[in-house]
PDB file of all heavy atoms in Angstrom:
ATOM      1  N   GLU A   1     127.844 119.731  66.666  1.00  0.00           N
ATOM      2  CA  GLU A   1     128.334 118.351  66.720  1.00  0.00           C
ATOM      3  C   GLU A   1     127.285 117.394  67.280  1.00  0.00           C
ATOM      4  O   GLU A   1     126.449 117.766  68.093  1.00  0.00           O
ATOM      5  CB  GLU A   1     129.597 118.292  67.584  1.00  0.00           C
ATOM      6  CG  GLU A   1     130.756 119.079  66.999  1.00  0.00           C
ATOM      7  CD  GLU A   1     132.017 118.950  67.828  1.00  0.00           C
ATOM      8  OE1 GLU A   1     131.964 118.272  68.874  1.00  0.00           O
ATOM      9  OE2 GLU A   1     133.042 119.520  67.438  1.00  0.00           O
ATOM     10  N   LYS A   2     127.395 116.186  66.843  1.00  0.00           N
ATOM     11  CA  LYS A   2     126.498 115.133  67.291  1.00  0.00           C
ATOM     12  C   LYS A   2     126.845 114.719  68.718  1.00  0.00           C
ATOM     13  O   LYS A   2     128.015 114.564  69.056  1.00  0.00           O
ATOM     14  CB  LYS A   2     126.644 113.935  66.351  1.00  0.00           C
ATOM     15  CG  LYS A   2     125.669 112.810  66.562  1.00  0.00           C
ATOM     16  CD  LYS A   2     125.846 111.787  65.447  1.00  0.00           C
ATOM     17  CE  LYS A   2     124.863 110.649  65.585  1.00  0.00           C
ATOM     18  NZ  LYS A   2     124.988 109.686  64.471  1.00  0.00           N
ATOM     19  N   LYS A   3     125.845 114.564  69.564  1.00  0.00           N
ATOM     20  CA  LYS A   3     126.072 114.130  70.941  1.00  0.00           C
ATOM     21  C   LYS A   3     126.134 112.602  70.995  1.00  0.00           C
ATOM     22  O   LYS A   3     125.219 111.923  70.534  1.00  0.00           O
ATOM     23  CB  LYS A   3     124.941 114.620  71.850  1.00  0.00           C
ATOM     24  CG  LYS A   3     125.001 116.090  72.203  1.00  0.00           C
ATOM     25  CD  LYS A   3     123.918 116.411  73.226  1.00  0.00           C
ATOM     26  CE  LYS A   3     124.016 117.858  73.675  1.00  0.00           C
ATOM     27  NZ  LYS A   3     122.958 118.174  74.677  1.00  0.00           N
ATOM     28  N   GLU A   4     127.214 112.107  71.571  1.00  0.00           N
ATOM     29  CA  GLU A   4     127.347 110.651  71.658  1.00  0.00           C
ATOM     30  C   GLU A   4     126.245 110.041  72.516  1.00  0.00           C
ATOM     31  O   GLU A   4     125.796 108.925  72.268  1.00  0.00           O
ATOM     32  CB  GLU A   4     128.715 110.276  72.233  1.00  0.00           C
ATOM     33  CG  GLU A   4     129.880 110.633  71.326  1.00  0.00           C
ATOM     34  CD  GLU A   4     131.204 110.200  71.899  1.00  0.00           C
ATOM     35  OE1 GLU A   4     131.197 109.617  73.005  1.00  0.00           O
ATOM     36  OE2 GLU A   4     132.237 110.440  71.263  1.00  0.00           O
ATOM     37  N   GLU A   5     125.804 110.804  73.561  1.00  0.00           N
ATOM     38  CA  GLU A   5     124.799 110.263  74.466  1.00  0.00           C
ATOM     39  C   GLU A   5     123.373 110.610  74.035  1.00  0.00           C
ATOM     40  O   GLU A   5     122.414 110.343  74.771  1.00  0.00           O
ATOM     41  CB  GLU A   5     125.021 110.789  75.886  1.00  0.00           C
ATOM     42  CG  GLU A   5     124.711 112.270  76.088  1.00  0.00           C
ATOM     43  CD  GLU A   5     125.861 113.174  75.675  1.00  0.00           C
ATOM     44  OE1 GLU A   5     126.809 112.697  75.033  1.00  0.00           O
ATOM     45  OE2 GLU A   5     125.793 114.375  76.006  1.00  0.00           O
ATOM     46  N   CYS A   6     123.211 111.204  72.849  1.00  0.00           N
ATOM     47  CA  CYS A   6     121.876 111.571  72.386  1.00  0.00           C
ATOM     48  C   CYS A   6     121.007 110.320  72.251  1.00  0.00           C
ATOM     49  O   CYS A   6     121.390 109.360  71.571  1.00  0.00           O
ATOM     50  CB  CYS A   6     121.954 112.286  71.036  1.00  0.00           C
ATOM     51  SG  CYS A   6     120.334 112.697  70.345  1.00  0.00           S
ATOM     52  N   PRO A   7     119.834 110.304  72.867  1.00  0.00           N
ATOM     53  CA  PRO A   7     118.989 109.101  72.825  1.00  0.00           C
ATOM     54  C   PRO A   7     118.345 108.859  71.472  1.00  0.00           C
ATOM     55  O   PRO A   7     117.857 107.767  71.203  1.00  0.00           O
ATOM     56  CB  PRO A   7     117.918 109.390  73.891  1.00  0.00           C
ATOM     57  CG  PRO A   7     117.855 110.876  73.943  1.00  0.00           C
ATOM     58  CD  PRO A   7     119.255 111.359  73.705  1.00  0.00           C
ATOM     59  N   VAL A   8     118.331 109.872  70.598  1.00  0.00           N
ATOM     60  CA  VAL A   8     117.701 109.712  69.297  1.00  0.00           C
ATOM     61  C   VAL A   8     118.690 109.215  68.238  1.00  0.00           C
ATOM     62  O   VAL A   8     118.424 108.260  67.520  1.00  0.00           O
ATOM     63  CB  VAL A   8     117.064 111.042  68.835  1.00  0.00           C
ATOM     64  CG1 VAL A   8     116.540 110.921  67.409  1.00  0.00           C
ATOM     65  CG2 VAL A   8     115.935 111.435  69.778  1.00  0.00           C
ATOM     66  N   CYS A   9     119.864 109.854  68.164  1.00  0.00           N
ATOM     67  CA  CYS A   9     120.805 109.485  67.101  1.00  0.00           C
ATOM     68  C   CYS A   9     122.132 108.951  67.643  1.00  0.00           C
ATOM     69  O   CYS A   9     123.025 108.629  66.867  1.00  0.00           O
ATOM     70  CB  CYS A   9     121.073 110.676  66.188  1.00  0.00           C
ATOM     71  SG  CYS A   9     121.992 112.026  66.982  1.00  0.00           S
ATOM     72  N   GLY A  10     122.261 108.847  68.965  1.00  0.00           N
ATOM     73  CA  GLY A  10     123.540 108.450  69.528  1.00  0.00           C
ATOM     74  C   GLY A  10     123.585 107.065  70.134  1.00  0.00           C
ATOM     75  O   GLY A  10     124.491 106.738  70.882  1.00  0.00           O
ATOM     76  N   GLY A  11     122.594 106.245  69.866  1.00  0.00           N
ATOM     77  CA  GLY A  11     122.636 104.876  70.359  1.00  0.00           C
ATOM     78  C   GLY A  11     121.502 104.512  71.289  1.00  0.00           C
ATOM     79  O   GLY A  11     121.364 103.362  71.695  1.00  0.00           O
ATOM     80  N   GLU A  12     120.665 105.489  71.671  1.00  0.00           N
ATOM     81  CA  GLU A  12     119.483 105.244  72.478  1.00  0.00           C
ATOM     82  C   GLU A  12     119.796 104.732  73.880  1.00  0.00           C
ATOM     83  O   GLU A  12     118.961 104.127  74.530  1.00  0.00           O
ATOM     84  CB  GLU A  12     118.535 104.274  71.767  1.00  0.00           C
ATOM     85  CG  GLU A  12     118.108 104.755  70.377  1.00  0.00           C
ATOM     86  CD  GLU A  12     117.192 103.774  69.684  1.00  0.00           C
ATOM     87  OE1 GLU A  12     116.780 102.802  70.333  1.00  0.00           O
ATOM     88  OE2 GLU A  12     116.898 103.989  68.505  1.00  0.00           O
ATOM     89  N   THR A  13     121.009 104.939  74.351  1.00  0.00           N
ATOM     90  CA  THR A  13     121.382 104.522  75.700  1.00  0.00           C
ATOM     91  C   THR A  13     122.098 105.658  76.402  1.00  0.00           C
ATOM     92  O   THR A  13     122.962 106.304  75.828  1.00  0.00           O
ATOM     93  CB  THR A  13     122.309 103.284  75.664  1.00  0.00           C
ATOM     94  OG1 THR A  13     121.618 102.220  75.004  1.00  0.00           O
ATOM     95  CG2 THR A  13     122.670 102.839  77.072  1.00  0.00           C
ATOM     96  N   VAL A  14     121.703 105.909  77.652  1.00  0.00           N
ATOM     97  CA  VAL A  14     122.310 106.965  78.456  1.00  0.00           C
ATOM     98  C   VAL A  14     122.723 106.389  79.793  1.00  0.00           C
ATOM     99  O   VAL A  14     121.953 105.665  80.427  1.00  0.00           O
ATOM    100  CB  VAL A  14     121.310 108.132  78.685  1.00  0.00           C
ATOM    101  CG1 VAL A  14     121.934 109.189  79.582  1.00  0.00           C
ATOM    102  CG2 VAL A  14     120.899 108.748  77.356  1.00  0.00           C
ATOM    103  N   GLU A  15     123.972 106.669  80.217  1.00  0.00           N
ATOM    104  CA  GLU A  15     124.423 106.214  81.523  1.00  0.00           C
ATOM    105  C   GLU A  15     124.007 107.222  82.582  1.00  0.00           C
ATOM    106  O   GLU A  15     124.181 108.426  82.416  1.00  0.00           O
ATOM    107  CB  GLU A  15     125.943 106.031  81.533  1.00  0.00           C
ATOM    108  CG  GLU A  15     126.405 104.848  80.704  1.00  0.00           C
ATOM    109  CD  GLU A  15     127.719 104.263  81.216  1.00  0.00           C
ATOM    110  OE1 GLU A  15     128.221 104.782  82.233  1.00  0.00           O
ATOM    111  OE2 GLU A  15     128.200 103.310  80.605  1.00  0.00           O
ATOM    112  N   LEU A  16     123.448 106.709  83.671  1.00  0.00           N
ATOM    113  CA  LEU A  16     122.934 107.571  84.726  1.00  0.00           C
ATOM    114  C   LEU A  16     123.285 106.977  86.085  1.00  0.00           C
ATOM    115  O   LEU A  16     122.971 105.824  86.362  1.00  0.00           O
ATOM    116  CB  LEU A  16     121.414 107.707  84.597  1.00  0.00           C
ATOM    117  CG  LEU A  16     120.701 108.517  85.662  1.00  0.00           C
ATOM    118  CD1 LEU A  16     121.132 109.981  85.584  1.00  0.00           C
ATOM    119  CD2 LEU A  16     119.187 108.420  85.490  1.00  0.00           C
ATOM    120  N   SER A  17     123.962 107.768  86.904  1.00  0.00           N
ATOM    121  CA  SER A  17     124.299 107.339  88.266  1.00  0.00           C
ATOM    122  C   SER A  17     123.347 108.001  89.241  1.00  0.00           C
ATOM    123  O   SER A  17     123.156 109.219  89.203  1.00  0.00           O
ATOM    124  CB  SER A  17     125.745 107.727  88.611  1.00  0.00           C
ATOM    125  OG  SER A  17     126.648 107.073  87.752  1.00  0.00           O
ATOM    126  N   ILE A  18     122.738 107.203  90.109  1.00  0.00           N
ATOM    127  CA  ILE A  18     121.792 107.743  91.081  1.00  0.00           C
ATOM    128  C   ILE A  18     122.129 107.210  92.469  1.00  0.00           C
ATOM    129  O   ILE A  18     122.874 106.239  92.621  1.00  0.00           O
ATOM    130  CB  ILE A  18     120.332 107.363  90.736  1.00  0.00           C
ATOM    131  CG1 ILE A  18     120.163 105.839  90.766  1.00  0.00           C
ATOM    132  CG2 ILE A  18     119.931 107.934  89.388  1.00  0.00           C
ATOM    133  CD1 ILE A  18     118.721 105.386  90.615  1.00  0.00           C
ATOM    134  N   SER A  19     121.563 107.844  93.476  1.00  0.00           N
ATOM    135  CA  SER A  19     121.764 107.410  94.854  1.00  0.00           C
ATOM    136  C   SER A  19     121.055 106.085  95.097  1.00  0.00           C
ATOM    137  O   SER A  19     119.982 105.823  94.539  1.00  0.00           O
ATOM    138  CB  SER A  19     121.218 108.477  95.815  1.00  0.00           C
ATOM    139  OG  SER A  19     121.127 107.961  97.125  1.00  0.00           O
ATOM    140  N   ARG A  20     121.631 105.260  95.946  1.00  0.00           N
ATOM    141  CA  ARG A  20     120.994 103.984  96.278  1.00  0.00           C
ATOM    142  C   ARG A  20     119.705 104.198  97.061  1.00  0.00           C
ATOM    143  O   ARG A  20     118.874 103.299  97.161  1.00  0.00           O
ATOM    144  CB  ARG A  20     121.952 103.113  97.100  1.00  0.00           C
ATOM    145  CG  ARG A  20     123.178 102.639  96.340  1.00  0.00           C
ATOM    146  CD  ARG A  20     123.988 101.675  97.185  1.00  0.00           C
ATOM    147  NE  ARG A  20     123.211 100.496  97.559  1.00  0.00           N
ATOM    148  CZ  ARG A  20     123.076  99.426  96.785  1.00  0.00           C
ATOM    149  NH1 ARG A  20     123.649  99.401  95.588  1.00  0.00           N
ATOM    150  NH2 ARG A  20     122.364  98.396  97.182  1.00  0.00           N
ATOM    151  N   ASP A  21     119.532 105.393  97.610  1.00  0.00           N
ATOM    152  CA  ASP A  21     118.338 105.692  98.401  1.00  0.00           C
ATOM    153  C   ASP A  21     117.218 106.318  97.569  1.00  0.00           C
ATOM    154  O   ASP A  21     116.136 106.588  98.090  1.00  0.00           O
ATOM    155  CB  ASP A  21     118.693 106.645  99.553  1.00  0.00           C
ATOM    156  CG  ASP A  21     119.640 106.002 100.555  1.00  0.00           C
ATOM    157  OD1 ASP A  21     119.530 104.781 100.770  1.00  0.00           O
ATOM    158  OD2 ASP A  21     120.493 106.716 101.114  1.00  0.00           O
ATOM    159  N   MET A  22     117.475 106.575  96.289  1.00  0.00           N
ATOM    160  CA  MET A  22     116.446 107.192  95.455  1.00  0.00           C
ATOM    161  C   MET A  22     115.288 106.235  95.240  1.00  0.00           C
ATOM    162  O   MET A  22     115.472 105.069  94.909  1.00  0.00           O
ATOM    163  CB  MET A  22     117.030 107.616  94.100  1.00  0.00           C
ATOM    164  CG  MET A  22     115.998 108.236  93.160  1.00  0.00           C
ATOM    165  SD  MET A  22     116.689 108.794  91.571  1.00  0.00           S
ATOM    166  CE  MET A  22     117.371 110.379  92.047  1.00  0.00           C
ATOM    167  N   LYS A  23     114.066 106.758  95.419  1.00  0.00           N
ATOM    168  CA  LYS A  23     112.874 105.949  95.211  1.00  0.00           C
ATOM    169  C   LYS A  23     112.471 105.974  93.729  1.00  0.00           C
ATOM    170  O   LYS A  23     112.889 106.852  92.981  1.00  0.00           O
ATOM    171  CB  LYS A  23     111.724 106.475  96.070  1.00  0.00           C
ATOM    172  CG  LYS A  23     111.959 106.344  97.567  1.00  0.00           C
ATOM    173  CD  LYS A  23     110.767 106.885  98.351  1.00  0.00           C
ATOM    174  CE  LYS A  23     110.995 106.726  99.850  1.00  0.00           C
ATOM    175  NZ  LYS A  23     109.854 107.260 100.640  1.00  0.00           N
ATOM    176  N   VAL A  24     111.666 105.005  93.343  1.00  0.00           N
ATOM    177  CA  VAL A  24     111.219 104.914  91.960  1.00  0.00           C
ATOM    178  C   VAL A  24     110.458 106.176  91.559  1.00  0.00           C
ATOM    179  O   VAL A  24     110.642 106.712  90.465  1.00  0.00           O
ATOM    180  CB  VAL A  24     110.330 103.671  91.762  1.00  0.00           C
ATOM    181  CG1 VAL A  24     109.703 103.677  90.362  1.00  0.00           C
ATOM    182  CG2 VAL A  24     111.141 102.399  91.967  1.00  0.00           C
ATOM    183  N   GLU A  25     109.610 106.662  92.457  1.00  0.00           N
ATOM    184  CA  GLU A  25     108.852 107.874  92.180  1.00  0.00           C
ATOM    185  C   GLU A  25     109.778 109.059  91.943  1.00  0.00           C
ATOM    186  O   GLU A  25     109.547 109.881  91.058  1.00  0.00           O
ATOM    187  CB  GLU A  25     107.908 108.168  93.342  1.00  0.00           C
ATOM    188  CG  GLU A  25     106.943 109.309  93.083  1.00  0.00           C
ATOM    189  CD  GLU A  25     105.942 109.462  94.207  1.00  0.00           C
ATOM    190  OE1 GLU A  25     106.276 109.118  95.351  1.00  0.00           O
ATOM    191  OE2 GLU A  25     104.819 109.912  93.931  1.00  0.00           O
ATOM    192  N   GLU A  26     110.845 109.153  92.708  1.00  0.00           N
ATOM    193  CA  GLU A  26     111.809 110.240  92.543  1.00  0.00           C
ATOM    194  C   GLU A  26     112.564 110.109  91.228  1.00  0.00           C
ATOM    195  O   GLU A  26     112.889 111.110  90.579  1.00  0.00           O
ATOM    196  CB  GLU A  26     112.788 110.244  93.716  1.00  0.00           C
ATOM    197  CG  GLU A  26     112.139 110.580  95.047  1.00  0.00           C
ATOM    198  CD  GLU A  26     113.078 110.400  96.227  1.00  0.00           C
ATOM    199  OE1 GLU A  26     114.057 109.622  96.098  1.00  0.00           O
ATOM    200  OE2 GLU A  26     112.842 111.017  97.277  1.00  0.00           O
ATOM    201  N   LEU A  27     112.860 108.880  90.818  1.00  0.00           N
ATOM    202  CA  LEU A  27     113.544 108.656  89.545  1.00  0.00           C
ATOM    203  C   LEU A  27     112.672 109.101  88.381  1.00  0.00           C
ATOM    204  O   LEU A  27     113.159 109.719  87.423  1.00  0.00           O
ATOM    205  CB  LEU A  27     113.913 107.182  89.395  1.00  0.00           C
ATOM    206  CG  LEU A  27     114.535 106.780  88.045  1.00  0.00           C
ATOM    207  CD1 LEU A  27     115.814 107.554  87.781  1.00  0.00           C
ATOM    208  CD2 LEU A  27     114.808 105.278  88.007  1.00  0.00           C
ATOM    209  N   ILE A  28     111.372 108.811  88.464  1.00  0.00           N
ATOM    210  CA  ILE A  28     110.451 109.227  87.412  1.00  0.00           C
ATOM    211  C   ILE A  28     110.411 110.747  87.304  1.00  0.00           C
ATOM    212  O   ILE A  28     110.470 111.321  86.207  1.00  0.00           O
ATOM    213  CB  ILE A  28     109.039 108.664  87.680  1.00  0.00           C
ATOM    214  CG1 ILE A  28     109.045 107.137  87.477  1.00  0.00           C
ATOM    215  CG2 ILE A  28     108.000 109.314  86.763  1.00  0.00           C
ATOM    216  CD1 ILE A  28     107.745 106.464  87.824  1.00  0.00           C
TER     217      ILE A  28
END
């Protein structure tokens, strides 16, 4: 089955929840 959150064929958008304390380097 096709993944709704697939970045290639599912709309190119993914929802991601992260900690408010996460640094940019850690996100990368």
